[in-house]
């Protein structure tokens, strides 16, 4: 029997869980500010939900089995089919546009490697019922604001975006026959990740004309203006105009979107159901996998048997994002300690410490105390070891006057101390609670 986790899975000790909680707090807070509401679904779904969306080939990437009722089921590898199923079931009753987010744990039976495990937590943000590119801009703005909330800047992360319809129009303008689109998509999706001669051979074998090979291999460097000139007078020109409105929307929503956003025809998104604007977030150094990816998938609900409703969304996993934040020194270095450690006195002992702890906890503070009698200096060392912010030493007369001595045990970098808001180090417990409640954000 092994005492470690399964390959590709993680244990979350308090320090590691503090990192995950830090990321998830930013996810939830930014989604809330953008007026998205949280939902969840079951971790186990019908296998058909995934094969109808992605084909039978996805089965090899799933944790699937036949349950005791003879049903073919799978642990969820992604959240989009679940949310599409849920929205489709109540489409007529839901206020449009639907703005939902979730933070599920997902499972994929894949080869575990750097940036990709067999389980991860993922933020999913989706909008249903809005066809205009303003919704696409809203989604990208959410992703950018999450980066900012976690301390990252446009020098650390870039949003690379494209539109499948623009890409299709560009290929047509290059003289690529429709039968060769799959080969072109496959090569473009892997630009920079396979040798140039291999990519060229794949294009030619796939039916791409020789004259179009060089432009396709340079798709990532194509500017929007150059693409616009190439597709002028075609149906794709309208999608170029729509993309410009999308980019303007991102800039308006973020204030500096132009610094984050880059047009990049090589962003294809391998999932076949994407129908419009697609985007991915990458670290600026290009050392890691995509941090986030998404786009518009207007046909998914109908394909799963639901209503024909426009839809778009993105997924942002905790694994790659955590790697980037760790590189930048932007993750907490330890599990959070208690706000207060209460040290009892010889007269009242543990019962009085329990009483003080109860009152502080009722006011919303995290409080610890020694569960057995110890000398004050030993308790102070225990408070420091626990990462407590302040120590409250109960006076000998605490039972009569409720006076405590407030001491700092562990001071995080920056921010004022609670002691600066107290009239003295020796003070009534009620005054400590009042001052700590008033100045909670700045002193803890």
Protein backbone atom coordinates (compact mmCIF):
# COMPACT_ATOMS: atom_id res chain seq x y z
CA UNK A 1 0.00 0.00 0.00
CA UNK A 2 1.37 3.39 -0.94
CA UNK A 3 1.01 6.28 1.49
CA UNK A 4 1.18 8.94 -1.22
CA UNK A 5 -1.58 10.25 -3.51
CA UNK A 6 -2.36 8.60 -6.82
CA UNK A 7 -0.15 9.63 -9.73
CA UNK A 8 -1.36 12.96 -11.11
CA UNK A 9 -3.33 13.84 -7.96
CA UNK A 10 -2.39 16.17 -5.12
CA UNK A 11 -2.49 16.32 -1.34
CA UNK A 12 -3.26 19.80 -0.06
CA UNK A 13 -1.48 20.36 3.22
CA UNK A 14 -2.39 23.66 4.94
CA UNK A 15 0.32 25.65 3.11
CA UNK A 16 -0.70 24.25 -0.29
CA UNK A 17 -4.37 24.77 0.47
CA UNK A 18 -3.60 28.38 1.39
CA UNK A 19 -2.18 28.84 -2.12
CA UNK A 20 -5.27 27.32 -3.72
CA UNK A 21 -7.58 29.36 -1.49
CA UNK A 22 -5.72 32.53 -2.47
CA UNK A 23 -6.37 31.84 -6.15
CA UNK A 24 -9.98 30.85 -5.60
CA UNK A 25 -10.70 33.97 -3.53
CA UNK A 26 -9.57 36.10 -6.47
CA UNK A 27 -11.68 34.01 -8.87
CA UNK A 28 -14.81 34.37 -6.78
CA UNK A 29 -14.34 38.04 -5.95
CA UNK A 30 -13.72 39.18 -9.53
CA UNK A 31 -16.61 37.07 -10.86
CA UNK A 32 -18.85 38.65 -8.22
CA UNK A 33 -17.77 42.17 -9.23
CA UNK A 34 -18.75 41.35 -12.81
CA UNK A 35 -22.21 40.23 -11.58
CA UNK A 36 -21.75 36.53 -12.34
CA UNK A 37 -23.54 34.16 -9.96
CA UNK A 38 -22.16 30.86 -8.76
CA UNK A 39 -23.57 27.41 -9.53
CA UNK A 40 -22.34 23.84 -9.32
CA UNK A 41 -23.23 20.44 -10.75
CA UNK A 42 -22.54 16.79 -10.04
CA UNK A 43 -18.98 15.44 -10.33
CA UNK A 44 -20.38 12.31 -12.01
CA UNK A 45 -22.28 12.61 -15.30
CA UNK A 46 -23.58 10.36 -18.05
CA UNK A 47 -20.76 9.38 -20.41
CA UNK A 48 -22.98 10.36 -23.34
CA UNK A 49 -22.88 14.00 -22.26
CA UNK A 50 -19.19 14.09 -23.20
CA UNK A 51 -19.23 11.82 -26.25
CA UNK A 52 -22.06 13.85 -27.83
CA UNK A 53 -19.95 16.99 -27.43
CA UNK A 54 -16.47 15.71 -28.24
CA UNK A 55 -16.92 12.33 -29.95
CA UNK A 56 -16.08 8.81 -28.81
CA UNK A 57 -12.34 9.52 -28.89
CA UNK A 58 -12.64 11.48 -25.63
CA UNK A 59 -13.40 8.28 -23.72
CA UNK A 60 -9.70 7.44 -23.60
CA UNK A 61 -9.13 10.65 -21.61
CA UNK A 62 -11.84 10.05 -19.02
CA UNK A 63 -12.30 8.28 -15.72
CA UNK A 64 -15.34 6.31 -16.85
CA UNK A 65 -17.05 3.13 -15.71
CA UNK A 66 -20.38 1.31 -15.60
CA UNK A 67 -22.15 1.98 -12.30
CA UNK A 68 -24.17 -0.52 -10.26
CA UNK A 69 -27.28 0.43 -12.21
CA UNK A 70 -25.65 -0.49 -15.51
CA UNK A 71 -25.25 3.14 -16.60
CA UNK A 72 -22.14 4.38 -18.41
CA UNK A 73 -20.86 7.32 -16.38
CA UNK A 74 -17.72 9.48 -16.12
CA UNK A 75 -16.10 11.86 -13.67
CA UNK A 76 -16.45 15.32 -15.18
CA UNK A 77 -13.41 16.30 -17.29
CA UNK A 78 -14.81 19.79 -17.91
CA UNK A 79 -17.78 21.87 -16.84
CA UNK A 80 -19.16 23.22 -20.12
CA UNK A 81 -21.39 20.22 -20.95
CA UNK A 82 -22.84 20.31 -17.42
CA UNK A 83 -23.67 24.01 -17.50
CA UNK A 84 -25.08 23.67 -21.03
CA UNK A 85 -27.30 20.84 -19.81
CA UNK A 86 -28.43 22.87 -16.79
CA UNK A 87 -29.17 26.04 -18.76
CA UNK A 88 -30.93 24.07 -21.47
CA UNK A 89 -33.22 22.43 -18.89
CA UNK A 90 -34.50 25.80 -17.64
CA UNK A 91 -33.82 28.04 -20.62
CA UNK A 92 -37.32 29.52 -20.76
CA UNK A 93 -37.37 30.49 -17.08
CA UNK A 94 -33.88 32.00 -16.80
CA UNK A 95 -33.26 35.74 -17.10
CA UNK A 96 -31.13 36.50 -20.16
CA UNK A 97 -28.30 36.82 -20.51
CA UNK A 98 -27.40 34.05 -18.08
CA UNK A 99 -24.16 34.97 -16.28
CA UNK A 100 -22.85 32.02 -14.28
CA UNK A 101 -19.53 30.85 -12.86
CA UNK A 102 -18.30 27.77 -11.03
CA UNK A 103 -15.05 26.43 -9.54
CA UNK A 104 -15.26 22.62 -9.90
CA UNK A 105 -12.63 19.96 -9.47
CA UNK A 106 -12.17 18.20 -12.82
CA UNK A 107 -10.64 14.84 -13.74
CA UNK A 108 -8.88 13.62 -16.89
CA UNK A 109 -7.02 10.36 -17.40
CA UNK A 110 -4.01 11.87 -19.15
CA UNK A 111 -0.25 11.63 -18.87
CA UNK A 112 0.65 13.78 -15.89
CA UNK A 113 3.31 16.38 -16.75
CA UNK A 114 4.34 19.93 -15.94
CA UNK A 115 1.25 22.13 -15.98
CA UNK A 116 -1.16 19.23 -16.51
CA UNK A 117 -2.33 16.80 -13.85
CA UNK A 118 -5.10 14.23 -13.70
CA UNK A 119 -7.16 16.50 -11.50
CA UNK A 120 -7.33 20.23 -11.12
CA UNK A 121 -9.62 23.00 -9.98
CA UNK A 122 -10.92 25.33 -12.65
CA UNK A 123 -12.81 28.59 -12.81
CA UNK A 124 -15.55 28.45 -15.44
CA UNK A 125 -17.25 31.69 -16.50
CA UNK A 126 -20.06 31.53 -19.05
CA UNK A 127 -22.64 33.79 -20.69
CA UNK A 128 -25.75 32.42 -22.41
CA UNK A 129 -28.23 34.33 -24.53
CA UNK A 130 -26.14 37.22 -25.87
CA UNK A 131 -24.86 37.14 -29.48
CA UNK A 132 -23.03 40.48 -29.54
CA UNK A 133 -19.27 40.78 -29.10
CA UNK A 134 -19.85 42.92 -26.02
CA UNK A 135 -20.30 39.60 -24.20
CA UNK A 136 -16.95 38.36 -25.55
CA UNK A 137 -15.30 41.55 -24.30
CA UNK A 138 -16.90 41.06 -20.89
CA UNK A 139 -15.42 37.57 -20.61
CA UNK A 140 -11.90 38.65 -21.54
CA UNK A 141 -12.16 41.56 -19.10
CA UNK A 142 -12.99 39.10 -16.31
CA UNK A 143 -9.85 37.09 -17.11
CA UNK A 144 -7.69 40.23 -17.18
CA UNK A 145 -9.07 41.53 -13.90
CA UNK A 146 -8.33 38.18 -12.25
CA UNK A 147 -4.71 38.50 -13.38
CA UNK A 148 -4.61 41.99 -11.92
CA UNK A 149 -6.24 40.88 -8.66
CA UNK A 150 -3.49 38.27 -8.25
CA UNK A 151 -0.73 40.86 -8.75
CA UNK A 152 0.07 40.09 -12.40
CA UNK A 153 0.43 42.75 -15.09
CA UNK A 154 0.42 42.91 -18.88
CA UNK A 155 4.20 42.45 -18.67
CA UNK A 156 3.54 39.02 -17.12
CA UNK A 157 0.51 37.80 -19.09
CA UNK A 158 -0.77 38.30 -22.62
CA UNK A 159 -4.26 37.62 -23.99
CA UNK A 160 -4.02 36.21 -27.51
CA UNK A 161 -7.32 36.27 -29.40
CA UNK A 162 -8.68 35.41 -32.82
CA UNK A 163 -11.95 34.53 -34.55
CA UNK A 164 -12.55 31.21 -36.26
CA UNK A 165 -14.63 32.95 -38.94
CA UNK A 166 -11.83 35.41 -39.71
CA UNK A 167 -9.36 32.55 -39.95
CA UNK A 168 -11.65 30.63 -42.32
CA UNK A 169 -12.10 33.72 -44.52
CA UNK A 170 -8.34 34.33 -44.54
CA UNK A 171 -7.64 30.76 -45.62
CA UNK A 172 -10.22 31.07 -48.40
CA UNK A 173 -8.61 34.32 -49.56
CA UNK A 174 -5.25 32.50 -49.70
CA UNK A 175 -6.80 30.00 -52.09
CA UNK A 176 -6.98 27.12 -49.62
CA UNK A 177 -9.79 24.73 -50.59
CA UNK A 178 -12.36 23.90 -47.92
CA UNK A 179 -11.25 20.25 -47.95
CA UNK A 180 -7.80 21.38 -46.73
CA UNK A 181 -9.10 23.46 -43.79
CA UNK A 182 -8.65 20.64 -41.22
CA UNK A 183 -5.00 20.24 -42.19
CA UNK A 184 -4.45 24.00 -42.01
CA UNK A 185 -6.18 24.26 -38.63
CA UNK A 186 -4.10 21.41 -37.22
CA UNK A 187 -0.81 22.99 -38.32
CA UNK A 188 -1.76 26.50 -37.20
CA UNK A 189 -2.79 25.17 -33.79
CA UNK A 190 0.71 23.71 -33.32
CA UNK A 191 2.79 26.58 -34.71
CA UNK A 192 5.99 26.88 -32.73
CA UNK A 193 5.58 23.42 -31.23
CA UNK A 194 6.71 21.30 -34.19
CA UNK A 195 9.53 21.63 -36.76
CA UNK A 196 8.81 23.92 -39.68
CA UNK A 197 9.57 21.25 -42.30
CA UNK A 198 7.13 18.84 -40.60
CA UNK A 199 4.41 21.50 -40.62
CA UNK A 200 5.03 22.31 -44.29
CA UNK A 201 4.80 18.65 -45.24
CA UNK A 202 1.50 18.28 -43.38
CA UNK A 203 0.04 21.29 -45.18
CA UNK A 204 1.00 20.05 -48.62
CA UNK A 205 -0.23 16.52 -47.89
CA UNK A 206 -3.50 18.02 -46.65
CA UNK A 207 -4.13 19.76 -49.96
CA UNK A 208 -2.92 23.28 -49.12
CA UNK A 209 -1.54 25.07 -52.23
CA UNK A 210 2.20 25.79 -52.18
CA UNK A 211 1.55 29.55 -52.43
CA UNK A 212 -0.43 29.49 -49.19
CA UNK A 213 2.11 27.52 -47.13
CA UNK A 214 4.39 30.43 -46.21
CA UNK A 215 1.56 32.76 -45.09
CA UNK A 216 0.03 29.96 -43.01
CA UNK A 217 3.33 29.21 -41.29
CA UNK A 218 3.50 32.91 -40.40
CA UNK A 219 -0.10 33.13 -39.20
CA UNK A 220 0.90 34.16 -35.67
CA UNK A 221 2.61 37.30 -37.01
CA UNK A 222 -0.30 38.45 -39.18
CA UNK A 223 -1.65 41.82 -38.01
CA UNK A 224 -5.36 42.51 -37.94
CA UNK A 225 -4.93 45.23 -40.56
CA UNK A 226 -3.09 42.84 -42.90
CA UNK A 227 -5.79 40.21 -42.48
CA UNK A 228 -8.49 42.84 -43.00
CA UNK A 229 -6.89 43.87 -46.28
CA UNK A 230 -6.70 40.24 -47.41
CA UNK A 231 -10.41 39.50 -46.67
CA UNK A 232 -11.80 42.86 -47.82
CA UNK A 233 -15.02 42.43 -49.76
CA UNK A 234 -15.72 38.96 -48.34
CA UNK A 235 -18.05 37.79 -45.56
CA UNK A 236 -15.08 37.67 -43.20
CA UNK A 237 -14.75 41.49 -43.40
CA UNK A 238 -17.80 41.88 -41.15
CA UNK A 239 -16.17 39.62 -38.57
CA UNK A 240 -13.03 41.77 -38.68
CA UNK A 241 -15.19 44.79 -37.86
CA UNK A 242 -16.82 42.85 -35.04
CA UNK A 243 -13.39 41.90 -33.69
CA UNK A 244 -12.41 45.57 -33.64
CA UNK A 245 -15.52 46.33 -31.56
CA UNK A 246 -14.59 43.45 -29.26
CA UNK A 247 -11.07 44.87 -28.74
CA UNK A 248 -12.52 48.33 -28.07
CA UNK A 249 -14.83 46.79 -25.50
CA UNK A 250 -11.94 45.08 -23.71
CA UNK A 251 -10.09 48.40 -23.59
CA UNK A 252 -13.14 50.21 -22.20
CA UNK A 253 -13.76 47.57 -19.52
CA UNK A 254 -10.16 47.30 -18.32
CA UNK A 255 -8.70 50.74 -19.01
CA UNK A 256 -5.53 49.24 -20.46
CA UNK A 257 -6.83 46.35 -22.53
CA UNK A 258 -4.68 47.26 -25.51
CA UNK A 259 -1.61 46.38 -23.45
CA UNK A 260 -3.00 42.93 -22.60
CA UNK A 261 -4.74 41.96 -25.84
CA UNK A 262 -3.01 40.77 -29.01
CA UNK A 263 -4.63 39.57 -32.25
CA UNK A 264 -3.21 36.15 -33.09
CA UNK A 265 -4.56 33.99 -35.92
CA UNK A 266 -2.76 30.95 -34.50
CA UNK A 267 -5.26 30.72 -31.62
CA UNK A 268 -7.49 28.03 -33.07
CA UNK A 269 -8.77 26.22 -29.95
CA UNK A 270 -8.84 22.55 -30.80
CA UNK A 271 -12.39 21.85 -29.67
CA UNK A 272 -14.57 21.71 -32.76
CA UNK A 273 -17.56 23.48 -31.28
CA UNK A 274 -16.03 26.99 -31.10
CA UNK A 275 -17.83 29.23 -33.56
CA UNK A 276 -16.52 32.78 -33.15
CA UNK A 277 -13.99 34.74 -31.12
CA UNK A 278 -11.55 32.50 -29.24
CA UNK A 279 -8.79 33.48 -26.82
CA UNK A 280 -6.07 32.11 -24.57
CA UNK A 281 -3.91 33.65 -21.85
CA UNK A 282 -0.19 32.89 -21.76
CA UNK A 283 2.74 33.94 -19.61
CA UNK A 284 4.68 36.64 -21.45
CA UNK A 285 7.87 34.54 -21.45
CA UNK A 286 6.16 31.64 -23.20
CA UNK A 287 7.49 29.11 -20.70
CA UNK A 288 4.20 27.62 -19.53
CA UNK A 289 1.05 26.10 -20.98
CA UNK A 290 -2.00 28.29 -21.50
CA UNK A 291 -3.29 29.81 -18.26
CA UNK A 292 -6.83 30.17 -19.57
CA UNK A 293 -8.77 29.44 -22.74
CA UNK A 294 -12.23 29.95 -24.11
CA UNK A 295 -14.44 31.50 -26.71
CA UNK A 296 -17.87 31.42 -28.31
CA UNK A 297 -19.67 28.10 -28.78
CA UNK A 298 -23.09 29.10 -30.10
CA UNK A 299 -24.10 25.64 -31.29
CA UNK A 300 -23.38 23.60 -28.17
CA UNK A 301 -26.75 23.76 -26.41
CA UNK A 302 -28.61 22.75 -29.56
CA UNK A 303 -26.11 19.96 -30.17
CA UNK A 304 -26.83 18.56 -26.70
CA UNK A 305 -30.56 18.55 -27.35
CA UNK A 306 -31.33 21.95 -25.83
CA UNK A 307 -32.48 25.26 -27.29
CA UNK A 308 -30.60 27.15 -29.99
CA UNK A 309 -28.99 29.79 -27.79
CA UNK A 310 -25.79 31.83 -28.21
CA UNK A 311 -23.15 30.92 -25.63
CA UNK A 312 -19.56 31.64 -24.71
CA UNK A 313 -17.23 30.95 -21.81
CA UNK A 314 -13.73 30.24 -20.56
CA UNK A 315 -11.92 27.89 -18.21
CA UNK A 316 -8.95 28.89 -16.02
CA UNK A 317 -7.16 26.11 -14.13
CA UNK A 318 -5.27 26.40 -10.88
CA UNK A 319 -2.19 24.38 -11.90
CA UNK A 320 -0.52 26.61 -14.53
CA UNK A 321 -1.74 29.79 -12.84
CA UNK A 322 -0.25 28.56 -9.58
CA UNK A 323 3.08 27.87 -11.28
CA UNK A 324 3.22 31.39 -12.67
CA UNK A 325 2.27 33.02 -9.37
CA UNK A 326 4.89 30.92 -7.58
CA UNK A 327 7.55 32.04 -10.08
CA UNK A 328 6.61 35.67 -9.43
CA UNK A 329 6.53 35.28 -5.63
CA UNK A 330 2.83 36.15 -5.55
CA UNK A 331 1.51 33.21 -3.50
CA UNK A 332 1.22 33.10 0.30
CA UNK A 333 4.26 31.43 1.85
CA UNK A 334 2.43 29.79 4.76
CA UNK A 335 -0.99 28.80 6.00
CA UNK A 336 -2.85 31.65 7.72
CA UNK A 337 -2.49 31.73 11.50
CA UNK A 338 -5.06 32.84 14.08
CA UNK A 339 -5.84 36.50 14.59
CA UNK A 340 -5.45 36.20 18.36
CA UNK A 341 -3.81 33.80 20.80
CA UNK A 342 -5.27 34.07 24.30
CA UNK A 343 -2.91 33.42 27.19
CA UNK A 344 -4.61 32.54 30.47
CA UNK A 345 -3.57 33.62 33.95
CA UNK A 346 -2.74 31.66 37.06
CA UNK A 347 -5.95 32.65 38.84
CA UNK A 348 -8.50 31.78 36.16
CA UNK A 349 -6.49 29.38 34.03
CA UNK A 350 -7.99 27.81 30.95
CA UNK A 351 -11.68 28.56 31.69
CA UNK A 352 -11.08 32.33 31.49
CA UNK A 353 -9.06 31.90 28.31
CA UNK A 354 -12.00 29.94 26.89
CA UNK A 355 -14.37 32.77 27.82
CA UNK A 356 -12.19 35.39 26.08
CA UNK A 357 -11.80 33.12 23.06
CA UNK A 358 -15.57 32.69 22.85
CA UNK A 359 -16.15 36.46 22.77
CA UNK A 360 -13.47 37.08 20.17
CA UNK A 361 -14.76 34.24 17.99
CA UNK A 362 -18.30 35.58 18.25
CA UNK A 363 -16.94 38.85 16.83
CA UNK A 364 -15.60 36.95 13.81
CA UNK A 365 -11.93 36.49 14.71
CA UNK A 366 -9.82 33.33 14.51
CA UNK A 367 -8.66 32.51 18.02
CA UNK A 368 -6.47 29.85 19.60
CA UNK A 369 -5.31 29.19 23.17
CA UNK A 370 -3.32 26.52 24.98
CA UNK A 371 -5.50 23.49 25.63
CA UNK A 372 -3.58 22.70 28.80
CA UNK A 373 -1.82 24.79 31.44
CA UNK A 374 1.51 26.23 30.28
CA UNK A 375 3.84 28.99 31.38
CA UNK A 376 3.22 32.38 29.68
CA UNK A 377 6.56 32.41 27.85
CA UNK A 378 5.89 28.96 26.43
CA UNK A 379 2.43 30.08 25.31
CA UNK A 380 3.92 33.13 23.60
CA UNK A 381 6.35 30.93 21.67
CA UNK A 382 3.44 28.66 20.73
CA UNK A 383 1.54 31.72 19.45
CA UNK A 384 4.47 32.74 17.29
CA UNK A 385 4.85 29.20 15.97
CA UNK A 386 1.15 29.16 15.04
CA UNK A 387 1.54 32.44 13.15
CA UNK A 388 -0.84 34.30 15.46
CA UNK A 389 -1.06 38.03 14.79
CA UNK A 390 -1.58 39.16 18.39
CA UNK A 391 -1.32 37.65 21.87
CA UNK A 392 -3.82 38.65 24.55
CA UNK A 393 -2.44 38.06 28.06
CA UNK A 394 -5.28 37.98 30.59
CA UNK A 395 -4.50 40.00 33.72
CA UNK A 396 -4.72 38.38 37.14
CA UNK A 397 -7.87 40.44 37.80
CA UNK A 398 -9.45 39.64 34.42
CA UNK A 399 -12.49 38.03 36.04
CA UNK A 400 -13.24 41.40 37.70
CA UNK A 401 -11.98 44.10 35.28
CA UNK A 402 -11.62 42.21 31.95
CA UNK A 403 -8.24 43.84 31.33
CA UNK A 404 -5.77 42.21 28.92
CA UNK A 405 -2.30 43.04 27.64
CA UNK A 406 -2.05 43.12 23.85
CA UNK A 407 1.24 42.10 22.27
CA UNK A 408 2.24 41.63 18.66
CA UNK A 409 3.39 38.09 17.90
CA UNK A 410 3.73 37.99 14.12
CA UNK A 411 3.52 41.07 11.93
CA UNK A 412 3.00 40.67 8.18
CA UNK A 413 4.84 43.09 5.94
CA UNK A 414 3.02 46.38 5.47
CA UNK A 415 -0.05 47.80 7.15
CA UNK A 416 -0.49 49.35 10.60
CA UNK A 417 -0.61 47.37 13.81
CA UNK A 418 -3.72 47.06 15.96
CA UNK A 419 -1.63 48.53 18.77
CA UNK A 420 -1.68 51.87 16.94
CA UNK A 421 -5.46 51.97 17.38
CA UNK A 422 -5.46 51.20 21.13
CA UNK A 423 -5.03 53.76 23.96
CA UNK A 424 -2.45 51.47 25.56
CA UNK A 425 -1.14 47.93 25.75
CA UNK A 426 -3.27 47.22 28.83
CA UNK A 427 -6.93 47.58 27.89
CA UNK A 428 -10.35 46.05 28.45
CA UNK A 429 -11.21 43.11 26.18
CA UNK A 430 -14.34 44.93 24.93
CA UNK A 431 -12.19 47.82 23.68
CA UNK A 432 -9.84 45.41 21.94
CA UNK A 433 -12.76 43.75 20.16
CA UNK A 434 -14.24 47.15 19.15
CA UNK A 435 -10.92 48.46 17.78
CA UNK A 436 -10.09 45.18 16.00
CA UNK A 437 -13.54 45.11 14.40
CA UNK A 438 -13.26 48.70 13.19
CA UNK A 439 -9.76 48.29 11.78
CA UNK A 440 -9.97 44.64 10.75
CA UNK A 441 -8.97 45.10 7.09
CA UNK A 442 -5.78 47.04 7.83
CA UNK A 443 -4.52 45.24 10.94
CA UNK A 444 -4.96 41.56 10.01
